[in-house]
């Protein structure tokens, strides 16, 4: 691997990331999070290959330069289509590509992608190989520790070994197995129990692979604990519900000599961005909904959320609405 490719791999071999989350990690949320942390790796929502091939690519794929480093997460099972979308994503300027082998939703199952592909590692390997041949940016895989009754440690090892054989060296692993029948995706976020030890063991058994752990990580201190056993930690819902927990990571995780912005400074930093999109006929609440939890667990958070919830959806709402909400915080 030449030095240029090593540098590209280093971008996605990042010790901390925010998980791709449907209806959450869109471009507005990602820009907002960049006011809190410049270094944390960010992901798009999962985008299906069919959507990219047949849909509005600018709406699906456009991002602001400030959002980088940024990985495009794809959902699909056809190697030819995955390769085509990988090329599109690389040309669009993404830093890496991630294949979703973790989502358990019925819609995803009906398309034969997501978590159900854990039982088809050869097909996943074919997709990864096709993607890698199409681009010169890293291709990574996000998967579960298991699916349904295929949940032994040996089953996960078999999956990883086959996909690694196709050239993938970066695996993000949700430490809770997927149930495809009998549990909703929401229920599957909490049951069955997390099995962190399986992910730790995988890193021990495959030290040459970059292993990232995901699932139930509530704060940066927990992430640091995991980093004693694996290469990286991925935070999901906590990053959305309490985004300000990332305020110190550029200093504490990445060693930068920086002073975190206060919550009030973050709001002010968002004002030009909000003005830009309002002038392009974007509704305020499509941006402000991602900012609702900025003051989570702080005095004034109820007033902040109440004002935005009541006013951001109204015709003509703009950055003045956000300034008024900030005044409510006190």
C-alpha atoms as a PDB file:
ATOM      1  CA  UNK A   1       0.000   0.000   0.000  1.00  0.00           C
ATOM      2  CA  UNK A   2       1.529   3.353  -1.024  1.00  0.00           C
ATOM      3  CA  UNK A   3       1.808   6.314   1.342  1.00  0.00           C
ATOM      4  CA  UNK A   4      -1.180   8.090  -0.204  1.00  0.00           C
ATOM      5  CA  UNK A   5      -3.426   5.097   0.430  1.00  0.00           C
ATOM      6  CA  UNK A   6      -2.023   4.763   3.949  1.00  0.00           C
ATOM      7  CA  UNK A   7      -2.975   8.386   4.614  1.00  0.00           C
ATOM      8  CA  UNK A   8      -6.491   7.745   3.337  1.00  0.00           C
ATOM      9  CA  UNK A   9      -6.806   4.658   5.515  1.00  0.00           C
ATOM     10  CA  UNK A  10      -5.663   6.666   8.527  1.00  0.00           C
ATOM     11  CA  UNK A  11      -8.637   9.011   8.080  1.00  0.00           C
ATOM     12  CA  UNK A  12     -11.135   6.214   8.692  1.00  0.00           C
ATOM     13  CA  UNK A  13      -8.917   4.436  11.241  1.00  0.00           C
ATOM     14  CA  UNK A  14     -10.110   7.055  13.681  1.00  0.00           C
ATOM     15  CA  UNK A  15     -10.340   6.368  17.436  1.00  0.00           C
ATOM     16  CA  UNK A  16     -13.760   7.990  17.830  1.00  0.00           C
ATOM     17  CA  UNK A  17     -16.806   8.205  15.599  1.00  0.00           C
ATOM     18  CA  UNK A  18     -20.515   8.986  15.654  1.00  0.00           C
ATOM     19  CA  UNK A  19     -22.623   6.129  14.357  1.00  0.00           C
ATOM     20  CA  UNK A  20     -24.692   6.456  11.194  1.00  0.00           C
ATOM     21  CA  UNK A  21     -28.307   6.897  12.325  1.00  0.00           C
ATOM     22  CA  UNK A  22     -31.361   7.022  10.095  1.00  0.00           C
ATOM     23  CA  UNK A  23     -33.229  10.345  10.216  1.00  0.00           C
ATOM     24  CA  UNK A  24     -30.513  11.780  12.426  1.00  0.00           C
ATOM     25  CA  UNK A  25     -27.038  12.002  10.913  1.00  0.00           C
ATOM     26  CA  UNK A  26     -28.022  14.151   7.941  1.00  0.00           C
ATOM     27  CA  UNK A  27     -25.892  17.021   6.676  1.00  0.00           C
ATOM     28  CA  UNK A  28     -27.386  19.568   9.092  1.00  0.00           C
ATOM     29  CA  UNK A  29     -26.683  17.425  12.134  1.00  0.00           C
ATOM     30  CA  UNK A  30     -23.143  16.760  10.906  1.00  0.00           C
ATOM     31  CA  UNK A  31     -22.440  20.469  10.401  1.00  0.00           C
ATOM     32  CA  UNK A  32     -23.794  21.157  13.887  1.00  0.00           C
ATOM     33  CA  UNK A  33     -21.523  18.479  15.375  1.00  0.00           C
ATOM     34  CA  UNK A  34     -18.531  20.013  13.639  1.00  0.00           C
ATOM     35  CA  UNK A  35     -18.997  23.073  15.830  1.00  0.00           C
ATOM     36  CA  UNK A  36     -18.432  20.747  18.796  1.00  0.00           C
ATOM     37  CA  UNK A  37     -15.687  18.431  17.492  1.00  0.00           C
ATOM     38  CA  UNK A  38     -13.543  18.911  14.388  1.00  0.00           C
ATOM     39  CA  UNK A  39     -11.830  15.532  14.546  1.00  0.00           C
ATOM     40  CA  UNK A  40     -14.488  12.907  15.348  1.00  0.00           C
ATOM     41  CA  UNK A  41     -15.267  10.729  12.328  1.00  0.00           C
ATOM     42  CA  UNK A  42     -18.781  11.287  10.986  1.00  0.00           C
ATOM     43  CA  UNK A  43     -21.036   9.123   8.835  1.00  0.00           C
ATOM     44  CA  UNK A  44     -23.992   9.757   6.597  1.00  0.00           C
ATOM     45  CA  UNK A  45     -27.260   8.021   7.214  1.00  0.00           C
ATOM     46  CA  UNK A  46     -27.392   4.678   5.428  1.00  0.00           C
ATOM     47  CA  UNK A  47     -28.227   5.299   1.772  1.00  0.00           C
ATOM     48  CA  UNK A  48     -29.288   2.406  -0.415  1.00  0.00           C
ATOM     49  CA  UNK A  49     -27.624   1.698  -3.721  1.00  0.00           C
ATOM     50  CA  UNK A  50     -31.026   1.892  -5.426  1.00  0.00           C
ATOM     51  CA  UNK A  51     -31.590   5.397  -4.064  1.00  0.00           C
ATOM     52  CA  UNK A  52     -28.206   6.608  -5.323  1.00  0.00           C
ATOM     53  CA  UNK A  53     -28.548   5.009  -8.743  1.00  0.00           C
ATOM     54  CA  UNK A  54     -32.112   6.188  -9.370  1.00  0.00           C
ATOM     55  CA  UNK A  55     -32.619   9.127  -6.990  1.00  0.00           C
ATOM     56  CA  UNK A  56     -31.615  12.764  -6.548  1.00  0.00           C
ATOM     57  CA  UNK A  57     -27.895  12.434  -5.881  1.00  0.00           C
ATOM     58  CA  UNK A  58     -27.389  16.032  -4.867  1.00  0.00           C
ATOM     59  CA  UNK A  59     -30.090  15.740  -2.216  1.00  0.00           C
ATOM     60  CA  UNK A  60     -28.720  12.412  -1.019  1.00  0.00           C
ATOM     61  CA  UNK A  61     -24.983  12.977  -1.198  1.00  0.00           C
ATOM     62  CA  UNK A  62     -24.130  16.679  -0.984  1.00  0.00           C
ATOM     63  CA  UNK A  63     -22.270  17.837   2.110  1.00  0.00           C
ATOM     64  CA  UNK A  64     -20.416  20.888   3.361  1.00  0.00           C
ATOM     65  CA  UNK A  65     -16.602  20.742   3.336  1.00  0.00           C
ATOM     66  CA  UNK A  66     -16.637  21.455   7.068  1.00  0.00           C
ATOM     67  CA  UNK A  67     -18.232  18.039   7.710  1.00  0.00           C
ATOM     68  CA  UNK A  68     -15.099  16.095   6.814  1.00  0.00           C
ATOM     69  CA  UNK A  69     -13.718  13.611   7.749  1.00  0.00           C
ATOM     70  CA  UNK A  70     -16.871  11.950   6.479  1.00  0.00           C
ATOM     71  CA  UNK A  71     -17.785   8.408   5.446  1.00  0.00           C
ATOM     72  CA  UNK A  72     -20.655   7.424   3.160  1.00  0.00           C
ATOM     73  CA  UNK A  73     -22.582   4.424   4.457  1.00  0.00           C
ATOM     74  CA  UNK A  74     -24.163   2.230   1.787  1.00  0.00           C
ATOM     75  CA  UNK A  75     -26.887  -0.382   1.993  1.00  0.00           C
ATOM     76  CA  UNK A  76     -27.076  -3.030  -0.705  1.00  0.00           C
ATOM     77  CA  UNK A  77     -26.162  -6.572  -1.685  1.00  0.00           C
ATOM     78  CA  UNK A  78     -25.364  -6.409  -5.399  1.00  0.00           C
ATOM     79  CA  UNK A  79     -21.596  -6.153  -6.006  1.00  0.00           C
ATOM     80  CA  UNK A  80     -22.063  -4.376  -9.346  1.00  0.00           C
ATOM     81  CA  UNK A  81     -24.357  -1.753  -7.834  1.00  0.00           C
ATOM     82  CA  UNK A  82     -22.142  -1.375  -4.779  1.00  0.00           C
ATOM     83  CA  UNK A  83     -19.135  -0.758  -7.020  1.00  0.00           C
ATOM     84  CA  UNK A  84     -21.071   1.834  -9.030  1.00  0.00           C
ATOM     85  CA  UNK A  85     -22.162   3.655  -5.879  1.00  0.00           C
ATOM     86  CA  UNK A  86     -18.679   3.423  -4.399  1.00  0.00           C
ATOM     87  CA  UNK A  87     -17.320   5.201  -7.475  1.00  0.00           C
ATOM     88  CA  UNK A  88     -20.018   7.845  -7.211  1.00  0.00           C
ATOM     89  CA  UNK A  89     -19.243   8.372  -3.509  1.00  0.00           C
ATOM     90  CA  UNK A  90     -15.516   8.641  -4.123  1.00  0.00           C
ATOM     91  CA  UNK A  91     -16.065  11.135  -6.935  1.00  0.00           C
ATOM     92  CA  UNK A  92     -18.359  13.109  -4.617  1.00  0.00           C
ATOM     93  CA  UNK A  93     -15.460  13.584  -2.218  1.00  0.00           C
ATOM     94  CA  UNK A  94     -16.181  11.233   0.660  1.00  0.00           C
ATOM     95  CA  UNK A  95     -13.202  10.064   2.711  1.00  0.00           C
ATOM     96  CA  UNK A  96     -14.371   6.471   2.960  1.00  0.00           C
ATOM     97  CA  UNK A  97     -17.189   4.040   2.280  1.00  0.00           C
ATOM     98  CA  UNK A  98     -18.914   1.821   4.810  1.00  0.00           C
ATOM     99  CA  UNK A  99     -21.111  -1.176   4.053  1.00  0.00           C
ATOM    100  CA  UNK A 100     -24.053  -1.632   6.419  1.00  0.00           C
ATOM    101  CA  UNK A 101     -24.318  -5.232   7.644  1.00  0.00           C
ATOM    102  CA  UNK A 102     -26.018  -4.297  10.901  1.00  0.00           C
ATOM    103  CA  UNK A 103     -29.475  -2.825  10.370  1.00  0.00           C
ATOM    104  CA  UNK A 104     -32.264  -5.299  11.330  1.00  0.00           C
ATOM    105  CA  UNK A 105     -35.319  -3.398  10.043  1.00  0.00           C
ATOM    106  CA  UNK A 106     -37.932  -5.312   7.980  1.00  0.00           C
ATOM    107  CA  UNK A 107     -37.497  -2.912   5.050  1.00  0.00           C
ATOM    108  CA  UNK A 108     -33.779  -3.620   4.967  1.00  0.00           C
ATOM    109  CA  UNK A 109     -34.363  -7.358   5.253  1.00  0.00           C
ATOM    110  CA  UNK A 110     -36.780  -7.240   2.332  1.00  0.00           C
ATOM    111  CA  UNK A 111     -33.983  -5.731   0.261  1.00  0.00           C
ATOM    112  CA  UNK A 112     -31.599  -8.489   1.410  1.00  0.00           C
ATOM    113  CA  UNK A 113     -29.090  -6.146   2.980  1.00  0.00           C
ATOM    114  CA  UNK A 114     -28.179  -5.018   6.468  1.00  0.00           C
ATOM    115  CA  UNK A 115     -27.870  -7.559   9.279  1.00  0.00           C
ATOM    116  CA  UNK A 116     -29.309 -10.484   7.301  1.00  0.00           C
ATOM    117  CA  UNK A 117     -26.136 -10.473   5.198  1.00  0.00           C
ATOM    118  CA  UNK A 118     -24.146 -11.743   8.180  1.00  0.00           C
ATOM    119  CA  UNK A 119     -25.303 -15.201   7.144  1.00  0.00           C
ATOM    120  CA  UNK A 120     -23.948 -14.578   3.623  1.00  0.00           C
ATOM    121  CA  UNK A 121     -20.318 -13.590   4.214  1.00  0.00           C
ATOM    122  CA  UNK A 122     -19.252 -14.633   0.721  1.00  0.00           C
ATOM    123  CA  UNK A 123     -21.726 -12.170  -0.788  1.00  0.00           C
ATOM    124  CA  UNK A 124     -20.482  -9.425   1.543  1.00  0.00           C
ATOM    125  CA  UNK A 125     -16.906 -10.242   0.534  1.00  0.00           C
ATOM    126  CA  UNK A 126     -17.853 -10.013  -3.143  1.00  0.00           C
ATOM    127  CA  UNK A 127     -19.391  -6.596  -2.527  1.00  0.00           C
ATOM    128  CA  UNK A 128     -16.373  -5.350  -0.615  1.00  0.00           C
ATOM    129  CA  UNK A 129     -14.002  -6.617  -3.291  1.00  0.00           C
ATOM    130  CA  UNK A 130     -16.011  -4.926  -6.041  1.00  0.00           C
ATOM    131  CA  UNK A 131     -16.089  -1.641  -4.138  1.00  0.00           C
ATOM    132  CA  UNK A 132     -12.367  -1.705  -3.490  1.00  0.00           C
ATOM    133  CA  UNK A 133     -11.598  -2.344  -7.126  1.00  0.00           C
ATOM    134  CA  UNK A 134     -13.729   0.666  -8.089  1.00  0.00           C
ATOM    135  CA  UNK A 135     -12.160   3.249  -5.763  1.00  0.00           C
ATOM    136  CA  UNK A 136      -8.945   4.232  -4.019  1.00  0.00           C
ATOM    137  CA  UNK A 137     -10.564   5.310  -0.753  1.00  0.00           C
ATOM    138  CA  UNK A 138     -11.026   2.915   2.189  1.00  0.00           C
ATOM    139  CA  UNK A 139     -13.941   0.477   2.303  1.00  0.00           C
ATOM    140  CA  UNK A 140     -15.072  -0.566   5.781  1.00  0.00           C
ATOM    141  CA  UNK A 141     -17.826  -2.805   7.153  1.00  0.00           C
ATOM    142  CA  UNK A 142     -20.226  -2.242  10.058  1.00  0.00           C
ATOM    143  CA  UNK A 143     -21.827  -5.412  11.376  1.00  0.00           C
ATOM    144  CA  UNK A 144     -23.247  -7.158  14.431  1.00  0.00           C
ATOM    145  CA  UNK A 145     -21.679  -9.813  16.635  1.00  0.00           C
ATOM    146  CA  UNK A 146     -24.324 -12.180  15.292  1.00  0.00           C
ATOM    147  CA  UNK A 147     -27.803 -12.563  13.895  1.00  0.00           C
ATOM    148  CA  UNK A 148     -30.641 -14.742  15.234  1.00  0.00           C
ATOM    149  CA  UNK A 149     -29.230 -18.186  16.114  1.00  0.00           C
ATOM    150  CA  UNK A 150     -26.033 -17.544  14.156  1.00  0.00           C
ATOM    151  CA  UNK A 151     -24.486 -15.824  17.148  1.00  0.00           C
ATOM    152  CA  UNK A 152     -21.513 -17.850  18.353  1.00  0.00           C
ATOM    153  CA  UNK A 153     -18.162 -16.134  18.539  1.00  0.00           C
ATOM    154  CA  UNK A 154     -16.984 -18.620  15.922  1.00  0.00           C
ATOM    155  CA  UNK A 155     -19.729 -17.419  13.559  1.00  0.00           C
ATOM    156  CA  UNK A 156     -18.500 -13.837  13.820  1.00  0.00           C
ATOM    157  CA  UNK A 157     -14.912 -14.971  13.290  1.00  0.00           C
ATOM    158  CA  UNK A 158     -15.961 -16.829  10.157  1.00  0.00           C
ATOM    159  CA  UNK A 159     -17.705 -13.702   8.830  1.00  0.00           C
ATOM    160  CA  UNK A 160     -14.742 -11.431   9.577  1.00  0.00           C
ATOM    161  CA  UNK A 161     -12.203 -13.871   8.163  1.00  0.00           C
ATOM    162  CA  UNK A 162     -14.052 -14.184   4.855  1.00  0.00           C
ATOM    163  CA  UNK A 163     -14.603 -10.417   4.481  1.00  0.00           C
ATOM    164  CA  UNK A 164     -11.003  -9.717   5.470  1.00  0.00           C
ATOM    165  CA  UNK A 165      -9.997 -12.137   2.734  1.00  0.00           C
ATOM    166  CA  UNK A 166     -11.614  -9.744   0.265  1.00  0.00           C
ATOM    167  CA  UNK A 167      -9.369  -6.933   1.501  1.00  0.00           C
ATOM    168  CA  UNK A 168     -11.350  -5.249   4.295  1.00  0.00           C
ATOM    169  CA  UNK A 169      -9.191  -4.399   7.318  1.00  0.00           C
ATOM    170  CA  UNK A 170     -11.557  -2.049   9.212  1.00  0.00           C
ATOM    171  CA  UNK A 171     -14.576  -3.491  11.056  1.00  0.00           C
ATOM    172  CA  UNK A 172     -17.074  -1.547  13.187  1.00  0.00           C
ATOM    173  CA  UNK A 173     -18.908  -4.024  15.387  1.00  0.00           C
ATOM    174  CA  UNK A 174     -22.180  -3.477  17.196  1.00  0.00           C
ATOM    175  CA  UNK A 175     -21.785  -5.669  20.264  1.00  0.00           C
ATOM    176  CA  UNK A 176     -25.449  -6.704  20.370  1.00  0.00           C
ATOM    177  CA  UNK A 177     -26.699  -9.400  18.030  1.00  0.00           C
ATOM    178  CA  UNK A 178     -29.567  -8.669  15.657  1.00  0.00           C
ATOM    179  CA  UNK A 179     -32.932 -10.389  15.965  1.00  0.00           C
ATOM    180  CA  UNK A 180     -34.602 -10.337  12.563  1.00  0.00           C
ATOM    181  CA  UNK A 181     -37.925 -11.709  13.771  1.00  0.00           C
ATOM    182  CA  UNK A 182     -39.873 -11.092  16.970  1.00  0.00           C
ATOM    183  CA  UNK A 183     -38.218  -7.797  17.959  1.00  0.00           C
ATOM    184  CA  UNK A 184     -38.645  -4.352  16.458  1.00  0.00           C
ATOM    185  CA  UNK A 185     -35.460  -2.419  15.581  1.00  0.00           C
ATOM    186  CA  UNK A 186     -36.237  -0.165  18.573  1.00  0.00           C
ATOM    187  CA  UNK A 187     -36.482  -3.159  20.919  1.00  0.00           C
ATOM    188  CA  UNK A 188     -33.304  -4.601  19.417  1.00  0.00           C
ATOM    189  CA  UNK A 189     -31.437  -1.531  20.664  1.00  0.00           C
ATOM    190  CA  UNK A 190     -31.799  -2.850  24.214  1.00  0.00           C
ATOM    191  CA  UNK A 191     -32.110  -6.638  23.977  1.00  0.00           C
ATOM    192  CA  UNK A 192     -30.495  -9.112  23.866  1.00  0.00           C
ATOM    193  CA  UNK A 193     -27.565  -8.101  26.127  1.00  0.00           C
ATOM    194  CA  UNK A 194     -24.417  -6.449  24.833  1.00  0.00           C
ATOM    195  CA  UNK A 195     -21.384  -8.718  24.530  1.00  0.00           C
ATOM    196  CA  UNK A 196     -18.390  -6.398  24.578  1.00  0.00           C
ATOM    197  CA  UNK A 197     -16.050  -9.240  25.466  1.00  0.00           C
ATOM    198  CA  UNK A 198     -16.637 -10.833  22.059  1.00  0.00           C
ATOM    199  CA  UNK A 199     -15.388  -7.674  20.350  1.00  0.00           C
ATOM    200  CA  UNK A 200     -12.379  -7.457  22.649  1.00  0.00           C
ATOM    201  CA  UNK A 201     -11.600 -11.083  21.907  1.00  0.00           C
ATOM    202  CA  UNK A 202     -11.830 -10.450  18.165  1.00  0.00           C
ATOM    203  CA  UNK A 203      -9.228  -7.702  18.424  1.00  0.00           C
ATOM    204  CA  UNK A 204      -6.995 -10.019  20.459  1.00  0.00           C
ATOM    205  CA  UNK A 205      -7.333 -12.794  17.890  1.00  0.00           C
ATOM    206  CA  UNK A 206      -6.939 -10.466  14.871  1.00  0.00           C
ATOM    207  CA  UNK A 207      -4.481  -7.809  16.073  1.00  0.00           C
ATOM    208  CA  UNK A 208      -3.697  -6.711  12.514  1.00  0.00           C
ATOM    209  CA  UNK A 209      -7.300  -5.595  11.908  1.00  0.00           C
ATOM    210  CA  UNK A 210      -8.713  -2.220  12.941  1.00  0.00           C
ATOM    211  CA  UNK A 211     -11.585  -3.050  15.290  1.00  0.00           C
ATOM    212  CA  UNK A 212     -14.145  -0.479  16.409  1.00  0.00           C
ATOM    213  CA  UNK A 213     -16.743  -1.187  19.088  1.00  0.00           C
ATOM    214  CA  UNK A 214     -20.317   0.140  19.058  1.00  0.00           C
ATOM    215  CA  UNK A 215     -23.419  -0.295  21.177  1.00  0.00           C
ATOM    216  CA  UNK A 216     -24.610   1.243  24.429  1.00  0.00           C
ATOM    217  CA  UNK A 217     -21.675   3.646  24.861  1.00  0.00           C
ATOM    218  CA  UNK A 218     -23.147   6.555  26.821  1.00  0.00           C
ATOM    219  CA  UNK A 219     -20.227   8.949  27.267  1.00  0.00           C
ATOM    220  CA  UNK A 220     -16.598   9.652  26.438  1.00  0.00           C
ATOM    221  CA  UNK A 221     -15.309   8.020  29.635  1.00  0.00           C
ATOM    222  CA  UNK A 222     -16.905   4.737  28.599  1.00  0.00           C
ATOM    223  CA  UNK A 223     -15.373   5.157  25.145  1.00  0.00           C
ATOM    224  CA  UNK A 224     -11.941   5.602  26.729  1.00  0.00           C
ATOM    225  CA  UNK A 225     -12.424   2.383  28.677  1.00  0.00           C
ATOM    226  CA  UNK A 226     -13.164   0.490  25.464  1.00  0.00           C
ATOM    227  CA  UNK A 227     -10.084   2.005  23.832  1.00  0.00           C
ATOM    228  CA  UNK A 228      -7.959  -0.026  26.224  1.00  0.00           C
ATOM    229  CA  UNK A 229      -9.099  -3.170  24.369  1.00  0.00           C
ATOM    230  CA  UNK A 230      -9.954  -2.106  20.803  1.00  0.00           C
ATOM    231  CA  UNK A 231      -8.828   0.509  18.307  1.00  0.00           C
ATOM    232  CA  UNK A 232     -11.873   2.751  18.243  1.00  0.00           C
ATOM    233  CA  UNK A 233     -15.236   3.479  19.826  1.00  0.00           C
ATOM    234  CA  UNK A 234     -18.419   4.499  18.019  1.00  0.00           C
ATOM    235  CA  UNK A 235     -21.132   6.400  19.899  1.00  0.00           C
ATOM    236  CA  UNK A 236     -24.708   6.410  18.643  1.00  0.00           C
ATOM    237  CA  UNK A 237     -27.789   7.679  20.460  1.00  0.00           C
ATOM    238  CA  UNK A 238     -25.817   9.477  23.182  1.00  0.00           C
ATOM    239  CA  UNK A 239     -24.186  11.604  20.483  1.00  0.00           C
ATOM    240  CA  UNK A 240     -27.630  12.793  19.448  1.00  0.00           C
ATOM    241  CA  UNK A 241     -29.279  13.007  22.862  1.00  0.00           C
ATOM    242  CA  UNK A 242     -26.304  14.732  24.550  1.00  0.00           C
ATOM    243  CA  UNK A 243     -24.143  16.160  21.752  1.00  0.00           C
ATOM    244  CA  UNK A 244     -22.087  18.378  24.035  1.00  0.00           C
ATOM    245  CA  UNK A 245     -20.346  15.332  25.523  1.00  0.00           C
ATOM    246  CA  UNK A 246     -18.059  15.668  22.470  1.00  0.00           C
ATOM    247  CA  UNK A 247     -16.923  19.172  23.443  1.00  0.00           C
ATOM    248  CA  UNK A 248     -13.583  18.062  24.886  1.00  0.00           C
ATOM    249  CA  UNK A 249     -12.689  15.143  22.617  1.00  0.00           C
ATOM    250  CA  UNK A 250     -10.448  17.123  20.253  1.00  0.00           C
ATOM    251  CA  UNK A 251      -8.290  17.869  23.277  1.00  0.00           C
ATOM    252  CA  UNK A 252      -8.701  14.669  25.293  1.00  0.00           C
ATOM    253  CA  UNK A 253      -8.768  12.058  22.503  1.00  0.00           C
ATOM    254  CA  UNK A 254      -6.787  13.757  19.733  1.00  0.00           C
ATOM    255  CA  UNK A 255      -4.364  15.815  21.842  1.00  0.00           C
ATOM    256  CA  UNK A 256      -5.150  19.161  20.270  1.00  0.00           C
ATOM    257  CA  UNK A 257      -4.428  22.334  22.199  1.00  0.00           C
ATOM    258  CA  UNK A 258      -7.938  23.711  21.860  1.00  0.00           C
ATOM    259  CA  UNK A 259     -10.552  25.334  24.060  1.00  0.00           C
ATOM    260  CA  UNK A 260     -14.054  23.943  23.542  1.00  0.00           C
ATOM    261  CA  UNK A 261     -16.770  26.330  22.458  1.00  0.00           C
ATOM    262  CA  UNK A 262     -19.444  26.984  25.024  1.00  0.00           C
ATOM    263  CA  UNK A 263     -22.987  25.940  24.178  1.00  0.00           C
ATOM    264  CA  UNK A 264     -23.886  29.580  23.573  1.00  0.00           C
ATOM    265  CA  UNK A 265     -20.921  29.993  21.218  1.00  0.00           C
ATOM    266  CA  UNK A 266     -22.016  26.907  19.298  1.00  0.00           C
ATOM    267  CA  UNK A 267     -25.458  28.414  18.765  1.00  0.00           C
ATOM    268  CA  UNK A 268     -23.894  31.644  17.519  1.00  0.00           C
ATOM    269  CA  UNK A 269     -21.610  29.688  15.182  1.00  0.00           C
ATOM    270  CA  UNK A 270     -24.683  28.058  13.624  1.00  0.00           C
ATOM    271  CA  UNK A 271     -26.387  31.361  12.767  1.00  0.00           C
ATOM    272  CA  UNK A 272     -24.622  32.018   9.401  1.00  0.00           C
ATOM    273  CA  UNK A 273     -25.271  28.410   8.388  1.00  0.00           C
ATOM    274  CA  UNK A 274     -28.946  28.744   9.268  1.00  0.00           C
ATOM    275  CA  UNK A 275     -29.197  32.011   7.330  1.00  0.00           C
ATOM    276  CA  UNK A 276     -27.616  30.345   4.301  1.00  0.00           C
ATOM    277  CA  UNK A 277     -30.177  27.539   4.231  1.00  0.00           C
ATOM    278  CA  UNK A 278     -33.179  29.701   5.078  1.00  0.00           C
ATOM    279  CA  UNK A 279     -32.288  31.824   2.044  1.00  0.00           C
ATOM    280  CA  UNK A 280     -32.489  28.599   0.021  1.00  0.00           C
ATOM    281  CA  UNK A 281     -36.001  27.851   1.238  1.00  0.00           C
ATOM    282  CA  UNK A 282     -35.024  25.280   3.831  1.00  0.00           C
ATOM    283  CA  UNK A 283     -37.361  25.170   6.829  1.00  0.00           C
ATOM    284  CA  UNK A 284     -35.731  26.105  10.094  1.00  0.00           C
ATOM    285  CA  UNK A 285     -36.943  23.040  11.952  1.00  0.00           C
ATOM    286  CA  UNK A 286     -35.030  20.740   9.589  1.00  0.00           C
ATOM    287  CA  UNK A 287     -31.874  22.226  11.134  1.00  0.00           C
ATOM    288  CA  UNK A 288     -33.006  23.214  14.611  1.00  0.00           C
ATOM    289  CA  UNK A 289     -34.367  19.748  15.423  1.00  0.00           C
ATOM    290  CA  UNK A 290     -30.769  18.552  15.655  1.00  0.00           C
ATOM    291  CA  UNK A 291     -29.928  21.328  18.120  1.00  0.00           C
ATOM    292  CA  UNK A 292     -32.695  20.604  20.625  1.00  0.00           C
ATOM    293  CA  UNK A 293     -30.464  18.577  22.954  1.00  0.00           C
ATOM    294  CA  UNK A 294     -27.534  21.002  23.023  1.00  0.00           C
ATOM    295  CA  UNK A 295     -28.450  22.138  26.545  1.00  0.00           C
ATOM    296  CA  UNK A 296     -29.374  18.653  27.773  1.00  0.00           C
ATOM    297  CA  UNK A 297     -29.051  18.334  31.569  1.00  0.00           C
ATOM    298  CA  UNK A 298     -28.387  22.078  31.874  1.00  0.00           C
ATOM    299  CA  UNK A 299     -30.493  24.861  33.412  1.00  0.00           C
ATOM    300  CA  UNK A 300     -32.717  26.347  30.727  1.00  0.00           C
ATOM    301  CA  UNK A 301     -32.912  23.254  28.543  1.00  0.00           C
ATOM    302  CA  UNK A 302     -36.702  23.003  28.871  1.00  0.00           C
ATOM    303  CA  UNK A 303     -37.182  26.626  27.844  1.00  0.00           C
ATOM    304  CA  UNK A 304     -34.764  26.180  24.919  1.00  0.00           C
ATOM    305  CA  UNK A 305     -36.536  23.089  23.609  1.00  0.00           C
ATOM    306  CA  UNK A 306     -40.002  24.482  24.198  1.00  0.00           C
ATOM    307  CA  UNK A 307     -39.315  27.719  22.319  1.00  0.00           C
ATOM    308  CA  UNK A 308     -37.750  25.961  19.338  1.00  0.00           C
ATOM    309  CA  UNK A 309     -40.466  23.301  19.221  1.00  0.00           C
ATOM    310  CA  UNK A 310     -43.194  25.947  19.231  1.00  0.00           C
ATOM    311  CA  UNK A 311     -41.639  28.440  16.823  1.00  0.00           C
ATOM    312  CA  UNK A 312     -39.171  26.755  14.429  1.00  0.00           C
ATOM    313  CA  UNK A 313     -41.977  25.076  12.492  1.00  0.00           C
ATOM    314  CA  UNK A 314     -43.818  28.347  11.789  1.00  0.00           C
ATOM    315  CA  UNK A 315     -43.688  30.065   8.381  1.00  0.00           C
ATOM    316  CA  UNK A 316     -40.932  32.652   8.303  1.00  0.00           C
ATOM    317  CA  UNK A 317     -38.954  31.159  11.185  1.00  0.00           C
ATOM    318  CA  UNK A 318     -35.263  31.975  10.792  1.00  0.00           C
ATOM    319  CA  UNK A 319     -32.090  32.564  12.773  1.00  0.00           C
ATOM    320  CA  UNK A 320     -33.865  35.233  14.827  1.00  0.00           C
ATOM    321  CA  UNK A 321     -35.960  32.395  16.198  1.00  0.00           C
ATOM    322  CA  UNK A 322     -32.810  30.643  17.385  1.00  0.00           C
ATOM    323  CA  UNK A 323     -31.492  33.815  18.986  1.00  0.00           C
ATOM    324  CA  UNK A 324     -34.795  34.246  20.781  1.00  0.00           C
ATOM    325  CA  UNK A 325     -34.619  30.633  22.000  1.00  0.00           C
ATOM    326  CA  UNK A 326     -31.099  31.283  23.285  1.00  0.00           C
ATOM    327  CA  UNK A 327     -32.369  34.273  25.227  1.00  0.00           C
ATOM    328  CA  UNK A 328     -34.836  31.941  26.921  1.00  0.00           C
ATOM    329  CA  UNK A 329     -31.941  29.903  28.303  1.00  0.00           C
ATOM    330  CA  UNK A 330     -30.778  32.875  30.322  1.00  0.00           C
END
